[in-house]
Structure formats: C-alpha cells, structure tokens
Amino acid sequence: MDGDTALAFVDVPGHERFVRNMLAGASGIDCVLLVIAADESVMPQTREHFDICRLLGVGAGAVALTKADLVDDETLELVRLETRDLVAGSFLDGAPVVPVSARSGAGIDALRAVLARLAAAAPGRSGDGVARLPIDRAFTMRGFGTVVTGTLVSGRIAVNSELVLMPGGRRTKVRGVQVHGEARPVSHAGQRVALNLAGIEVGELARGDTLADVAGLEATRRLDAAVALLPDARPLKHGARVRFHQGTTEIMARVALGAEAGPRESDDEPATEGAGAEGGSASPFPALLAPGGRAYARLHLERPAALTRGDRFVLRAYSPTVTIAGGTVLDPRPPRGRLRSGAGRARSERLAGSEDAAEAVRVMIEEAGGEGVSRAEMISRAGLPPVAAESLERTLTAAGDAAAIAGRLVAAGRLREIRQALVDAVTAFHRTHPLEPGLPREETRERLRRRASAAVFDHAVSELVDDGTLVATGHLALASHRVSLSPAEQRVHDAIEELCRDAGLTPPDREALSAATGADDDLLERMIRLLVREGRLERVDALLFSAAALARLRRETAALGRDAKGARIDVAAFKERFGVTRKFAIPLLEYLDRMRVTRRVGSQRIVL
C-alpha cells in the first residue's frame, strides 16, 4: 500500500449485543470489510451486520475469511461457498474473498492489496456540503476541556468554526481539530475527527447528538421516507413502534405505512420478492408490510433528531431487538396532510422518483404556496450543499418553474394563482362598490395573508401593474375600471359640487345639502366620498369645502406674508378678512396650520 493512501478503520463489534454500536460505526463509511471466521462460517450476527450495510447503502467492499489456518482446505472452500451465497445479488457479489491468518500472516499481503484497490476506487467526498458530525463519544481531557469524536459525514470543520449542537440548538466554537490523533487546521468529509469545543460542558453532550454548520440542519420529529423490510423479517404493522437508528442516533418511533412502493433499481438493497400486504390485499394502503416489501412511510419520532433528505436509516424491532428494515429520508419536515391518500401517494412517488433533488424542491415549493422556500431550507431540508442550492435556484427560475422573491423560491403556478386571486378580488369589489376607487391595498393584503407573504403579495401586485392589469395606489383597481354614475347619481353629484363651490368658505352642512338635492343619506354620502376622491371637495374637520375655495384661501393667506414679512393674523382679523364666522374661522385657521401656511403663536398666527 503506497504512502499516498490512508485508510481509516472503524472496527465494529460482531456480537449481537453490540449491534447498536455497529450501527453507529457503520454510518458514513465508504467500504466494508466483512469479516467471517473460517472455523464458524456465516453466523446470525454476520447476516444482520451484512443486512445493515446493505440498508445503509454501503457501495463497495471485500470479505476476509479469518482463522484460515484453523480449518482444512475443504472446510475453507465450504465457507467460501456459504459466503458467496450470502452476498449474492448484493454490492459484495463478485467482491474479493480473501482467506487470512493472523498467526501465520498468510493472505495478509493479498488483503492489503485488495484494500488499497478499494481505497483508490472510493469516490472522494465533496467539501461543499453542510458540515455534519454525529457524535459517538464525548469526554473531558485535562488541559483541553470538552472533546467529541465522530466521523465527519459531510462538509469540513476548521479550527474556529462555529457549530450548532443538534437537536438542542446550542452554539459552540471549535478550539482544536485532530484527525487520526494529529492536530490539523481543518478536517474533511469521511475522516475520523476529534474536536475540542469551547463554551460547552461534556454533560450537555450525548451520543446521538450532531454538530453541524449553523442553520445547516433542523431538528424534526416527523419525516417521510421510503422503507424496505428485510425478506426474513416479520410483517411490519401500520402504527408499529420501532427503534430508529441514523448515524449515532437511536430513537423510538411509530411507523405509519403509506402506499406500497416499487422495487429500487439497485442491487445494494435487500431483494423485495413477495412485496405487498399480507394475504394479497389489493389495497394500496396496507395494514401490514410483508417481508421483502417496500412502502412509503411517515415516521413519528419520540424525540427530535437532526435529519435531512437522503439520510439512510435502519429500523430495529422493539422486541426482540433485531434489525428488520431500512430506508431513506424523503422529506424531514413534511407538511400536515394524509399520507394514506391518493395525494399522499403521488407526493411520495414524486419525492422518491429521482435521486436528483430538483423534483423534491419543486414539491416543497409547491406545498409552501405563497410563503415559498428559502435557500437555507433547500440546504437543511432538501439536503443540498450551498453551492448546489444556489445553482438549483438559478435553474428553476430560468426554466420558469419558480420565482425568486425576497430570498425565497415561490412556485410559478402558485404565483399565477395569487395573481388571479388578486384580480378576482378586485373585480368582485368593483362589482359591489362601483363608485369606490378600488379595494384598499392593506385590506387585500390581509385577505390573502394565508395564501401569500407580504413580499409575494407586493411582487404579484407589481407584476399586475407592469402588465397593465391593475392600477395600484392606496387602493387596487382594474386598469379598465371607470366610475359610472346613473342619471340620479350624476344630478346629486353635480349639485353638491355646485353648492359647495358657490358657498366658498361658508359651505352648507349635510342637512342643507340633503334638503337642496333631495338625496337620502346613503346617496348623499356616496357622492360626497366620490367628490373627495376626485379632489373636488376637501374635508376640514366636519365641514366640506370646495377644493378650489381652499386653494384660493391658501394663496391669499400666503400673499399676506409676501406683502409684509412676518405678518400676523388673529381670529378676528381672519374673520373680517375672509368674511366668515367663528364657526368657519377656527377650523380654517387650523387647516392653514396643517398645510404649513401659518404657524400658531399664542392667540395669533404667523404667516410663513
């Protein structure tokens, strides 16, 4: 083995009492060396360990037949045949089977060569993913403080990195990094790592916790998955309580079975012959998953776990504690909705239909409606590296599948629905309030609050304005909307305007307007509101003035200041100058103050 190749061995115990340790150690490995003692051959725990490797998606490996010096050639050949039968049709089918002896050294060089080839062929792990370290040990070292160890399954962790402890959310900083006992400035995916942590006590850590980039993962207690039951397992009941293993995490869970799923197009998962509900039921939502069968499922965890799409997990029976199934997380945070329904089945099939995350993200943004999905959610929920999330966002927007709005992706179809809902709401408002300028913008926003965020609402309005469908001010109106008055309404409208215009600064009150026009209160109020919106009348407190009369008042008062700088005017002078009573003088002077034509100083006004 050349000096450029480094192998990190995770030695997991073979005894059935330590299978849970094996589950923790097997997560994140690239290859497996299946060890079978030649003097014992394939044991029950060998089968369980091998099944776990298949369920976790290990893709390559070799077999070592140890203690070869303790058996004769005929027995060794028999064990070799039994081994071939065990691995037939799996990722180890055709893999090297190397007899070795630790005592004599026979076969050791051949095994080294096999391991070197496996290491050279193992695909490198990208450092672009979220840093993620499932903790398998936590302890205190004198002079260092808190130390944790584990296999870095994705991303990279450097000295001074800020990480978050999941599922609790506690933040910590990395003071030191060791890889295989050597201090390093940075560790990479696939390496066994020891981290010296600052600001956290060992009592706050537990096996099964995960260290990850800040905002890189989220904790969940519900997840949708594709589950495969081992051929020799008992039927799995809908609602069964099981032991959920992922990484170093072990949690009790309930399994809700959804629709049956077709076999995977992979040789790395146990065969699915005999899949289906027990008794040959034709129901697409079985009460039992038969041995060897596959189904979509929703797992309800009894405590939170840090998971993302694509995570492999193993299920063990509650009692007796044996491995029964494995699966892949399809969505770590599914929305509320029935799994055992046509829509639930279609959703599961879309999520499971491709290894490409693009379709899963499409499902997520469609379900998110007008809230959309942020890039951070694409990373933590869909399991995308940050670079891939950014690229997918560009792809989906360029294809017209989604729109990027305020840092969130909104499905194009949902955005069309929101625009149509806006048009429908405004159209209906015009139909019932033909004299109004339009639907108040904030009222419309509130109506659509459950369907669209504030940013998406504004985006939809802007698009409708840009394409000439809507006019948007404080109100939303169809661009084609015009106020149309009946002859009776037009008569009252014109009469009110004429009466107020002729009255100047001493306008009639509502009773006088009603008597002069013969209009009832409802018609009178509608026409007054219309005249105010048209800018022909202005309200000053409870009085209604012609806009033209107020404009003349502002000009004439301002002229007093130009004629005599710092000119002052009091109520008496104002009444005399403009020929009004105190009833009108006081509100008009206050109006001039608000319009910054005058400023009150004691009992007088200074003309500005």
Foldseek 3Di string as FASTA:
>chain_A
DDPVFDDDDQDFDQDPVRVLVVLQSLPQAQEDEQEAELVVADDPSSLQSLQSCLLQPRQYYAYEHEPPVVDDPVSSVVSVVVVCVSCPLASCNVHYYFYAYPVVGPRVVVVVVSVVVSRVPGDDADQLAWFKFQFADWDQDVPQAIKTKGAGNYHKDFAQAWKAKPPVGHIKGFHWKDFPRHTDRMDGHGTIIMTRIPPDHSVVDDRQIMIIHVLQWYKFQKFKWKKWWAQPAAWDFAQAWWWKFFNRHTFIKTKHWAFWDDDDPHSSHHAQPPFDEPPPDPQRRHRITHHSTMTMIMIGTPDIHTDAFFTKMWIAHPPPGGTTMIITTLWRDDDDDDCHDPVNVVLVCQSPVDPDLLSVQLSVQAVCAQVAAALSCCSHTSVDRSVVSVVSLVVCVVVQQWDQWPRGTHGNVSLVVLLVVVLVVFVVCCVVQVLDPTAFPVVSCVVCVVRHPPRSNVVSLVVCVVVQQWDDDRHIHGNPRDRDDDPLLVQLLVQQLVQQVVCQLNGDAPVVSCVVSVDDPVSNVSSLVSCVVVVQWDDQPRDIHGNVSLVVVLVVLLVVCVVPPFDKDAQVRQCVVVVHDPVRSVSSVVVCVVVVQWPDDPRMITGD
